[in-house]
Protein backbone atom coordinates (compact mmCIF):
# COMPACT_ATOMS: atom_id res chain seq x y z
CA MET A 1 0.00 0.00 0.00
CA GLU A 2 2.89 2.35 0.69
CA LEU A 3 4.29 1.83 -2.79
CA LEU A 4 1.18 3.21 -4.53
CA PRO A 5 1.63 6.87 -3.52
CA LEU A 6 5.33 6.60 -4.36
CA LEU A 7 4.59 5.20 -7.84
CA THR A 8 2.01 7.93 -8.40
CA VAL A 9 4.51 10.61 -7.48
CA LEU A 10 7.14 9.07 -9.74
CA LEU A 11 4.73 8.82 -12.66
CA LEU A 12 3.61 12.42 -12.20
CA ALA A 13 7.21 13.57 -11.97
CA HIS A 14 8.07 11.61 -15.10
CA ALA A 15 5.10 13.11 -16.95
CA ALA A 16 6.03 16.63 -15.86
CA ALA A 17 9.63 16.10 -16.94
CA TYR A 18 8.48 14.75 -20.31
CA LEU A 19 6.16 17.73 -20.88
CA ALA A 20 8.92 20.15 -19.89
CA TRP A 21 11.31 18.43 -22.29
CA GLN A 22 8.73 18.63 -25.07
CA ALA A 23 8.19 22.33 -24.40
CA MET A 24 11.92 22.98 -24.47
CA ALA A 25 12.30 20.98 -27.67
CA ARG A 26 9.49 22.95 -29.32
CA ALA A 27 11.06 26.21 -28.16
CA ARG A 28 14.34 25.17 -29.76
CA ARG A 29 12.55 24.26 -33.00
CA ALA A 30 10.74 27.61 -32.92
CA ARG A 31 14.06 29.42 -33.14
CA CYS A 32 14.82 30.77 -36.61
CA TYR A 33 18.29 32.10 -37.35
CA LEU A 34 19.37 33.97 -40.50
CA LEU A 35 22.73 32.38 -41.16
CA ASP A 36 23.53 34.65 -44.13
CA PHE A 37 22.11 35.95 -47.41
CA ALA A 38 23.30 37.09 -50.84
CA CYS A 39 21.83 39.45 -53.43
CA HIS A 40 22.13 38.95 -57.18
CA LYS A 41 24.22 41.45 -59.12
CA PRO A 42 23.71 40.93 -62.89
CA SER A 43 26.55 41.64 -65.30
CA ASP A 44 27.23 45.27 -66.25
CA ASP A 45 26.21 44.69 -69.87
CA ARG A 46 22.60 44.35 -68.66
CA LYS A 47 22.37 47.85 -67.18
CA VAL A 48 19.48 50.09 -68.22
CA THR A 49 20.84 53.54 -69.11
CA THR A 50 18.68 56.59 -69.79
CA GLU A 51 19.36 56.25 -73.51
CA MET A 52 18.31 52.62 -73.53
CA ALA A 53 15.14 53.31 -71.55
CA GLY A 54 14.16 55.96 -74.08
CA ALA A 55 14.99 53.65 -77.00
CA VAL A 56 12.84 50.81 -75.60
CA ILE A 57 9.89 53.18 -75.30
CA GLU A 58 10.41 54.61 -78.78
CA ARG A 59 10.52 51.25 -80.53
CA ASN A 60 6.99 50.37 -79.37
CA LYS A 61 5.26 51.67 -82.49
CA ARG A 62 1.83 51.24 -80.93
CA LEU A 63 2.43 54.21 -78.67
CA GLY A 64 1.17 57.63 -79.59
CA MET A 65 2.74 60.88 -78.37
CA PRO A 66 0.51 61.02 -75.23
CA ASP A 67 1.58 57.45 -74.30
CA TYR A 68 5.22 58.28 -74.95
CA ARG A 69 5.06 61.35 -72.71
CA PHE A 70 3.19 59.40 -70.03
CA LEU A 71 5.90 56.75 -69.82
CA LEU A 72 8.70 59.29 -69.76
CA LYS A 73 6.94 61.16 -66.96
CA VAL A 74 6.62 57.95 -64.95
CA ILE A 75 10.34 57.18 -65.40
CA VAL A 76 11.36 60.71 -64.43
CA ASN A 77 9.32 60.52 -61.21
CA SER A 78 10.09 56.87 -60.41
CA GLY A 79 13.15 57.44 -58.22
CA ILE A 80 15.35 54.93 -60.08
CA GLY A 81 18.80 55.64 -61.53
CA GLU A 82 20.59 54.20 -64.55
CA HIS A 83 22.40 51.31 -62.91
CA THR A 84 19.43 48.93 -62.76
CA TYR A 85 19.29 45.74 -64.84
CA CYS A 86 16.95 44.22 -67.41
CA PRO A 87 16.79 40.81 -69.15
CA ARG A 88 18.86 40.15 -72.26
CA ASN A 89 15.89 39.73 -74.59
CA VAL A 90 14.92 43.37 -73.91
CA LEU A 91 18.51 44.48 -74.53
CA ASP A 92 18.40 42.57 -77.82
CA GLY A 93 15.11 44.19 -78.84
CA ARG A 94 13.14 40.94 -78.48
CA GLU A 95 10.74 42.01 -75.73
CA GLU A 96 7.76 41.09 -77.92
CA CYS A 97 8.97 37.59 -78.65
CA ALA A 98 10.55 36.34 -75.43
CA THR A 99 11.12 32.59 -75.34
CA HIS A 100 10.92 30.05 -72.56
CA TYR A 101 14.70 29.83 -72.78
CA ASP A 102 15.03 33.58 -72.13
CA ALA A 103 13.15 33.17 -68.84
CA LEU A 104 15.22 30.14 -67.80
CA GLU A 105 18.46 31.92 -68.72
CA GLU A 106 17.50 34.84 -66.48
CA MET A 107 16.81 32.48 -63.57
CA ASP A 108 19.99 30.43 -64.10
CA ALA A 109 22.13 33.58 -64.01
CA PHE A 110 20.53 34.43 -60.67
CA PHE A 111 20.98 30.91 -59.26
CA ASP A 112 24.63 30.73 -60.31
CA ASP A 113 25.35 34.07 -58.65
CA ALA A 114 23.27 34.50 -55.49
CA VAL A 115 22.53 30.90 -54.50
CA ARG A 116 26.12 29.83 -55.08
CA ALA A 117 27.33 32.90 -53.15
CA VAL A 118 25.30 32.12 -50.03
CA PHE A 119 26.74 28.60 -49.91
CA GLU A 120 30.26 29.98 -50.28
CA LYS A 121 29.74 32.64 -47.61
CA THR A 122 28.41 30.20 -45.03
CA GLY A 123 30.43 27.12 -45.85
CA VAL A 124 27.19 25.12 -45.92
CA SER A 125 27.11 22.39 -48.54
CA PRO A 126 24.04 22.03 -50.80
CA ARG A 127 23.87 18.46 -49.49
CA ASP A 128 23.23 19.88 -46.01
CA VAL A 129 20.03 21.62 -47.10
CA ASP A 130 16.87 19.98 -45.78
CA LEU A 131 14.33 22.44 -47.16
CA VAL A 132 14.09 24.67 -50.25
CA VAL A 133 11.43 27.40 -50.51
CA LEU A 134 11.49 29.33 -53.79
CA ASN A 135 9.23 32.13 -54.94
CA VAL A 136 9.05 33.64 -58.43
CA GLY A 137 5.68 35.25 -58.98
CA SER A 138 5.01 35.16 -62.71
CA PHE A 139 7.05 32.28 -64.11
CA SER A 140 6.23 28.70 -63.12
CA PRO A 141 7.78 26.11 -65.46
CA ALA A 142 7.73 22.34 -65.13
CA PRO A 143 9.84 20.95 -63.55
CA SER A 144 9.50 23.78 -61.05
CA LEU A 145 12.22 26.34 -60.41
CA ALA A 146 12.65 24.84 -56.93
CA ALA A 147 13.37 21.50 -58.59
CA ARG A 148 15.79 23.29 -60.93
CA VAL A 149 17.74 24.56 -57.90
CA VAL A 150 17.78 21.05 -56.40
CA ALA A 151 19.15 19.62 -59.65
CA ARG A 152 21.59 22.46 -60.30
CA PHE A 153 23.26 22.12 -56.89
CA GLY A 154 22.97 18.35 -56.43
CA MET A 155 20.89 18.31 -53.25
CA ARG A 156 19.85 15.21 -51.32
CA GLU A 157 17.03 12.90 -52.39
CA ASP A 158 15.01 13.63 -49.23
CA VAL A 159 15.14 17.43 -49.54
CA GLN A 160 11.73 19.11 -49.19
CA ALA A 161 11.15 21.61 -52.02
CA TYR A 162 8.32 24.15 -52.19
CA ASN A 163 7.66 26.38 -55.21
CA LEU A 164 5.51 29.50 -54.72
CA SER A 165 4.08 31.60 -57.55
CA GLY A 166 1.61 34.46 -57.98
CA MET A 167 2.40 35.91 -54.52
CA GLY A 168 3.73 39.29 -55.72
CA CYS A 169 6.24 41.56 -54.01
CA SER A 170 5.45 40.29 -50.50
CA ALA A 171 6.39 36.69 -51.33
CA GLY A 172 9.85 36.95 -49.78
CA LEU A 173 8.45 37.05 -46.25
CA VAL A 174 5.81 34.44 -47.15
CA SER A 175 8.73 32.14 -48.00
CA VAL A 176 10.46 32.92 -44.70
CA ASP A 177 7.21 32.16 -42.88
CA LEU A 178 6.78 28.84 -44.70
CA ALA A 179 10.34 27.84 -43.81
CA ARG A 180 9.72 28.81 -40.18
CA GLN A 181 6.50 26.77 -40.03
CA VAL A 182 8.25 23.68 -41.39
CA MET A 183 11.00 24.13 -38.81
CA LEU A 184 8.43 23.86 -36.02
CA THR A 185 7.99 20.20 -36.94
CA ARG A 186 11.64 19.40 -37.71
CA PRO A 187 14.62 19.96 -35.39
CA ARG A 188 17.99 20.99 -36.81
CA THR A 189 16.68 22.01 -40.22
CA MET A 190 18.72 23.95 -42.79
CA ALA A 191 16.44 25.93 -45.12
CA LEU A 192 17.36 27.68 -48.36
CA VAL A 193 14.99 30.54 -49.25
CA VAL A 194 15.27 31.74 -52.86
CA THR A 195 13.46 34.91 -53.97
CA SER A 196 13.29 36.54 -57.39
CA GLU A 197 11.01 37.62 -60.24
CA SER A 198 11.03 36.83 -63.94
CA CYS A 199 11.17 39.93 -66.14
CA ALA A 200 12.13 38.29 -69.46
CA PRO A 201 8.68 36.99 -70.51
CA ASN A 202 6.67 39.69 -68.75
CA TRP A 203 7.57 42.88 -70.59
CA TYR A 204 4.32 44.60 -71.57
CA ASN A 205 4.06 45.78 -75.18
CA GLY A 206 0.59 47.29 -75.28
CA THR A 207 -0.89 50.72 -74.66
CA ASP A 208 -2.90 50.23 -71.44
CA LYS A 209 -1.45 52.80 -69.03
CA SER A 210 -2.21 50.72 -65.94
CA MET A 211 -0.09 47.93 -67.45
CA MET A 212 2.69 50.11 -68.89
CA LEU A 213 3.80 51.23 -65.43
CA GLY A 214 5.60 48.01 -64.50
CA ASN A 215 8.09 48.40 -67.37
CA CYS A 216 9.29 51.67 -65.85
CA LEU A 217 9.98 50.37 -62.36
CA PHE A 218 10.49 46.59 -62.19
CA ARG A 219 14.03 45.35 -62.74
CA CYS A 220 16.02 42.12 -62.58
CA GLY A 221 17.39 40.92 -59.25
CA GLY A 222 17.05 38.24 -56.61
CA GLY A 223 18.13 37.10 -53.19
CA ALA A 224 19.03 33.82 -51.49
CA ALA A 225 19.16 33.21 -47.74
CA LEU A 226 20.01 30.31 -45.44
CA LEU A 227 17.79 29.92 -42.36
CA THR A 228 18.11 27.32 -39.63
CA ASN A 229 16.72 26.33 -36.22
CA ASP A 230 19.84 24.35 -35.37
CA PRO A 231 21.31 25.79 -32.12
CA ALA A 232 24.76 24.71 -33.27
CA TYR A 233 24.68 27.58 -35.80
CA ARG A 234 23.49 30.24 -33.36
CA SER A 235 26.93 31.78 -32.83
CA ARG A 236 27.43 32.07 -36.61
CA ALA A 237 24.03 33.58 -37.40
CA LYS A 238 23.60 37.22 -38.41
CA MET A 239 20.11 37.67 -36.99
CA GLU A 240 17.35 35.84 -35.16
CA LEU A 241 13.68 36.05 -36.16
CA ARG A 242 11.52 37.26 -33.28
CA CYS A 243 8.10 37.46 -34.94
CA LEU A 244 6.42 37.52 -38.34
CA VAL A 245 2.96 38.94 -39.07
CA ARG A 246 0.94 38.55 -42.26
CA ALA A 247 -2.19 40.48 -43.27
CA HIS A 248 -4.29 39.47 -46.29
CA ILE A 249 -7.28 41.60 -47.34
CA GLY A 250 -8.05 39.70 -50.56
CA ALA A 251 -11.66 39.17 -49.45
CA HIS A 252 -12.28 42.78 -50.53
CA ASP A 253 -12.89 42.93 -54.29
CA ASP A 254 -11.08 46.23 -54.87
CA ALA A 255 -8.02 45.02 -52.95
CA HIS A 256 -7.98 41.69 -54.78
CA ALA A 257 -8.06 43.50 -58.15
CA ALA A 258 -5.44 46.14 -57.21
CA ALA A 259 -2.59 44.27 -58.94
CA VAL A 260 -3.54 41.62 -61.48
CA HIS A 261 -1.61 39.66 -64.11
CA CYS A 262 -3.99 39.71 -67.06
CA GLU A 263 -4.52 40.46 -70.76
CA ASP A 264 -5.42 43.89 -72.10
CA ALA A 265 -8.16 44.59 -74.64
CA ASP A 266 -5.85 43.44 -77.44
CA GLY A 267 -4.87 40.17 -75.73
CA ARG A 268 -1.39 41.30 -74.62
CA LEU A 269 -0.28 40.01 -71.24
CA GLY A 270 0.87 42.32 -68.47
CA VAL A 271 0.39 43.37 -64.85
CA SER A 272 -2.40 45.87 -64.29
CA LEU A 273 -1.90 48.25 -61.35
CA SER A 274 -5.24 49.88 -60.56
CA LYS A 275 -6.00 53.25 -58.95
CA ALA A 276 -7.31 51.32 -55.93
CA LEU A 277 -3.81 50.04 -55.12
CA PRO A 278 -2.76 52.87 -52.72
CA LYS A 279 -5.99 52.49 -50.73
CA ALA A 280 -5.54 48.70 -50.55
CA ALA A 281 -1.94 49.13 -49.41
CA VAL A 282 -2.96 51.50 -46.59
CA ARG A 283 -5.71 49.13 -45.43
CA ALA A 284 -3.41 46.09 -45.44
CA PHE A 285 -0.68 48.09 -43.69
CA SER A 286 -3.10 49.14 -40.96
CA GLU A 287 -4.29 45.55 -40.43
CA ASN A 288 -0.71 44.35 -40.12
CA LEU A 289 0.39 47.05 -37.68
CA GLN A 290 -2.55 46.43 -35.36
CA ARG A 291 -1.32 42.90 -34.76
CA LEU A 292 2.37 43.69 -34.93
CA ALA A 293 2.54 46.57 -32.43
CA PRO A 294 1.61 44.60 -29.26
CA ARG A 295 4.29 42.03 -30.10
CA ILE A 296 7.25 44.34 -30.60
CA LEU A 297 6.65 47.57 -28.65
CA PRO A 298 7.31 48.13 -24.93
CA ALA A 299 4.34 48.22 -22.56
CA ALA A 300 5.01 51.87 -21.71
CA GLU A 301 4.54 52.95 -25.33
CA LEU A 302 1.35 50.91 -25.71
CA ALA A 303 0.00 52.42 -22.47
CA ARG A 304 0.88 55.96 -23.61
CA PHE A 305 -0.92 55.42 -26.91
CA THR A 306 -4.00 53.95 -25.19
CA VAL A 307 -4.27 56.83 -22.71
CA ARG A 308 -3.89 59.41 -25.45
CA LEU A 309 -6.49 57.63 -27.59
CA LEU A 310 -9.01 57.57 -24.73
CA ALA A 311 -8.32 61.20 -23.91
CA ARG A 312 -8.94 62.20 -27.50
CA LYS A 313 -12.26 60.35 -27.55
CA LEU A 314 -13.40 61.83 -24.25
CA MET A 315 -12.35 65.37 -25.04
CA ARG A 316 -12.88 65.52 -28.77
CA ARG A 317 -15.62 68.13 -28.44
CA LYS A 318 -13.56 70.42 -26.23
CA LEU A 319 -10.01 70.04 -27.52
CA LYS A 320 -8.61 69.79 -30.97
CA PHE A 321 -5.29 68.05 -31.28
CA GLU A 322 -3.67 65.61 -33.62
CA GLY A 323 -4.75 62.01 -33.24
CA PRO A 324 -2.45 59.73 -31.26
CA LYS A 325 0.31 57.87 -33.06
CA ILE A 326 2.35 54.91 -31.93
CA ASN A 327 6.06 55.61 -31.80
CA PHE A 328 7.52 52.51 -33.45
CA LYS A 329 11.02 53.77 -32.80
CA THR A 330 10.59 52.73 -29.16
CA GLY A 331 10.82 49.12 -30.31
CA VAL A 332 12.60 49.30 -33.68
CA ASP A 333 16.11 50.52 -34.50
CA HIS A 334 16.09 50.02 -38.29
CA PHE A 335 13.26 50.03 -40.82
CA CYS A 336 13.73 47.75 -43.84
CA LEU A 337 10.95 48.97 -46.16
CA HIS A 338 9.90 47.62 -49.53
CA PRO A 339 11.20 50.02 -52.23
CA GLY A 340 8.10 49.67 -54.39
CA GLY A 341 8.38 53.30 -55.49
CA THR A 342 8.89 56.78 -54.12
CA ALA A 343 5.21 57.15 -53.18
CA VAL A 344 5.21 53.85 -51.24
CA ILE A 345 8.32 54.81 -49.29
CA GLU A 346 6.93 58.27 -48.53
CA ALA A 347 3.55 56.89 -47.40
CA VAL A 348 5.19 54.44 -44.97
CA ARG A 349 7.53 57.17 -43.74
CA LYS A 350 4.60 59.41 -42.84
CA ASN A 351 2.52 56.63 -41.27
CA LEU A 352 5.38 55.46 -39.04
CA GLY A 353 6.73 58.94 -38.27
CA LEU A 354 10.15 58.23 -39.78
CA ASN A 355 12.86 60.61 -40.99
CA SER A 356 15.06 60.64 -44.08
CA TYR A 357 17.76 58.58 -42.33
CA ASP A 358 15.24 55.80 -41.60
CA VAL A 359 14.07 55.53 -45.22
CA GLU A 360 17.50 56.09 -46.79
CA PRO A 361 18.17 52.34 -47.30
CA ALA A 362 14.88 51.88 -49.20
CA THR A 363 15.34 55.07 -51.25
CA MET A 364 18.90 54.19 -52.22
CA THR A 365 17.89 50.62 -53.09
CA LEU A 366 15.18 51.92 -55.40
CA HIS A 367 17.69 54.24 -57.07
CA ARG A 368 20.43 51.61 -57.48
CA TRP A 369 18.47 48.42 -58.20
CA GLY A 370 14.89 49.48 -58.98
CA ASN A 371 11.97 47.42 -57.72
CA THR A 372 13.17 43.81 -57.83
CA SER A 373 9.83 42.61 -56.48
CA ALA A 374 9.96 40.15 -53.56
CA SER A 375 13.76 40.23 -53.33
CA SER A 376 13.91 44.01 -52.78
CA LEU A 377 14.04 43.70 -48.98
CA TRP A 378 17.29 41.74 -49.12
CA TYR A 379 18.93 44.62 -51.05
CA VAL A 380 17.66 47.10 -48.44
CA LEU A 381 19.02 44.91 -45.63
CA SER A 382 22.31 44.57 -47.51
CA TYR A 383 22.57 48.38 -47.73
CA MET A 384 22.19 48.63 -43.94
CA GLU A 385 24.92 46.06 -43.46
CA ALA A 386 27.21 47.67 -46.03
CA LYS A 387 26.84 50.99 -44.18
CA ARG A 388 27.67 49.20 -40.91
CA ARG A 389 24.43 50.30 -39.32
CA LEU A 390 23.58 46.88 -37.88
CA LYS A 391 25.04 46.29 -34.42
CA ALA A 392 24.56 43.42 -31.97
CA GLY A 393 21.21 43.71 -30.21
CA ASP A 394 19.66 46.05 -32.81
CA ARG A 395 16.08 45.37 -33.86
CA VAL A 396 15.12 45.41 -37.56
CA LEU A 397 11.58 45.64 -38.91
CA MET A 398 10.91 44.45 -42.47
CA VAL A 399 7.70 45.61 -44.18
CA THR A 400 6.54 44.60 -47.64
CA PHE A 401 3.41 44.75 -49.82
CA GLY A 402 2.15 42.53 -52.61
CA SER A 403 -0.74 41.46 -54.81
CA GLY A 404 -3.64 39.70 -53.15
CA PHE A 405 -3.60 42.26 -51.48
CA LYS A 406 -1.06 41.57 -48.70
CA CYS A 407 1.14 43.36 -46.20
CA ASN A 408 3.73 41.20 -44.44
CA SER A 409 6.22 42.19 -41.76
CA CYS A 410 8.89 40.48 -39.70
CA TYR A 411 11.01 41.52 -36.74
CA TRP A 412 14.67 40.49 -36.42
CA GLU A 413 17.25 40.89 -33.68
CA VAL A 414 20.83 41.38 -34.86
CA SER A 415 23.17 38.80 -33.30
CA LYS A 416 26.50 40.55 -33.92
CA ASP A 417 28.00 43.62 -35.56
CA LEU A 418 27.64 43.25 -39.34
CA ASP A 419 29.85 44.76 -42.06
CA ASP A 420 29.54 42.68 -45.26
CA ALA A 421 28.99 45.02 -48.24
CA GLY A 422 27.67 42.21 -50.44
CA ALA A 423 26.24 43.36 -53.78
CA TRP A 424 26.85 47.00 -52.78
CA GLU A 425 30.61 46.52 -52.43
CA ASP A 426 31.69 48.43 -55.53
CA CYS A 427 29.35 51.40 -55.04
CA ILE A 428 28.41 51.77 -51.37
CA ASP A 429 30.75 54.77 -50.91
CA ASP A 430 28.75 56.64 -53.56
CA TYR A 431 25.53 56.39 -51.52
CA PRO A 432 23.78 58.49 -50.54
CA PRO A 433 25.01 60.95 -53.21
CA GLU A 434 25.60 64.55 -52.13
CA THR A 435 22.97 65.68 -54.63
CA MET A 436 20.27 63.21 -55.65
CA VAL A 437 20.13 63.99 -59.37
CA ASN A 438 18.00 61.60 -61.38
CA PRO A 439 19.58 61.03 -64.83
CA TYR A 440 16.10 60.57 -66.27
CA THR A 441 15.15 64.04 -65.02
CA GLU A 442 18.16 65.54 -66.76
CA LYS A 443 17.31 63.89 -70.08
CA PHE A 444 13.50 63.73 -70.04
CA GLY A 445 12.53 66.23 -67.34
CA TRP A 446 10.77 68.42 -69.88
CA VAL A 447 7.75 66.08 -69.75
CA ASN A 448 6.91 67.36 -66.25
CA ASP A 449 6.23 70.77 -67.77
CA LEU A 450 3.52 69.34 -70.00
CA GLN A 451 -0.07 69.51 -68.87
CA GLY A 452 -2.56 66.67 -69.04
CA GLN A 453 -0.11 64.11 -70.40
CA GLY A 454 0.02 61.48 -67.71
CA GLY A 455 -1.14 60.38 -64.34
CA ALA A 456 0.29 59.68 -60.95
CA PHE A 457 2.16 56.45 -60.52
CA PRO A 458 0.06 54.35 -58.11
CA PHE A 459 3.11 53.32 -56.06
């Protein structure tokens, strides 16, 4: 009879120990470290100069003078310089007859540069990769591009490969989230996240203004990153993921139709960016921030905002003062914003109460690389590292937008002082320039003096 209570105690103790061990194991699997990343730098012979941009516009014989002026006005106001890159078929004047091979060639050049570079930088072998998550929005061949990476780098037979398409500019963080979710079920996982966009087969050759905009802003690029939950790599990691928040407002018709890959009235394929896009972006951004703020800001800031909000509601008839705003700088040291365009950067700057220093990485990335879609955030992060802004313990907030309509954000903590210039190595000392002169303004700035010949770029 005396043994029964003892056995009960032992069983309970064993159960408690087992549950504690399971909780600790799950906590270890929930860790997500950014081991390293690399951005694609295409060859110099693929650069888009002002002269070339003008020539590409001129050789579309379907355009009338109003269309020509509209496109030039968009380029002048886009915020991009003349060191961005385009696919070879456009350089060769074959934008209207791009082949499947052109698209594959563009992807292979990216794989051989960025994916190979991240393996070399980390010393990780392709055979050590357990998981591949690849996203390219508008090009989905068979076998998939994820399978092409597996074959190109000779990965193991049991590697898990996921191929995402149609996710737009926010797909980079969707890929990170997918890798993180898989890691929750698998200890000691090495994940390769590959992010790019295919420009070669997606150059628009029609006259629909909502679809002509993408040609002015989207450029070739890509990023590759190695993530892991293996604690053995913790000391080597650059950053650790603290939280990731996704907001999707696609249930609203206007938001769903804000950015659509479709055919125009003449059957020519392109991406239509509607006038509803800015409104959808603001709504998605607001939804994301409402869930993000309580997870990353100190209690004191949340309390201050709540008190000020209540005071404004109670005294709105007696006092007139500006509505309360959350100070995100109380919880964030660096803002890694999607360089979708000058208007996007400016809108986020105003909403978050940022200054020119905070948005400099996004602005300079837009100028140097253009909008490289889902991979843009990696170029912005690389700029911060090249400028030696990222110090141990710093907190970095990534924010990106994409078709659907989506706003995704993630919050990183820097593990050590970072100083790798990466793709910016040969030009980082030139940024920011003393005077931000846009070469397109110098050559085509006269179009801004014309009246009624264009519209505002939705980004």
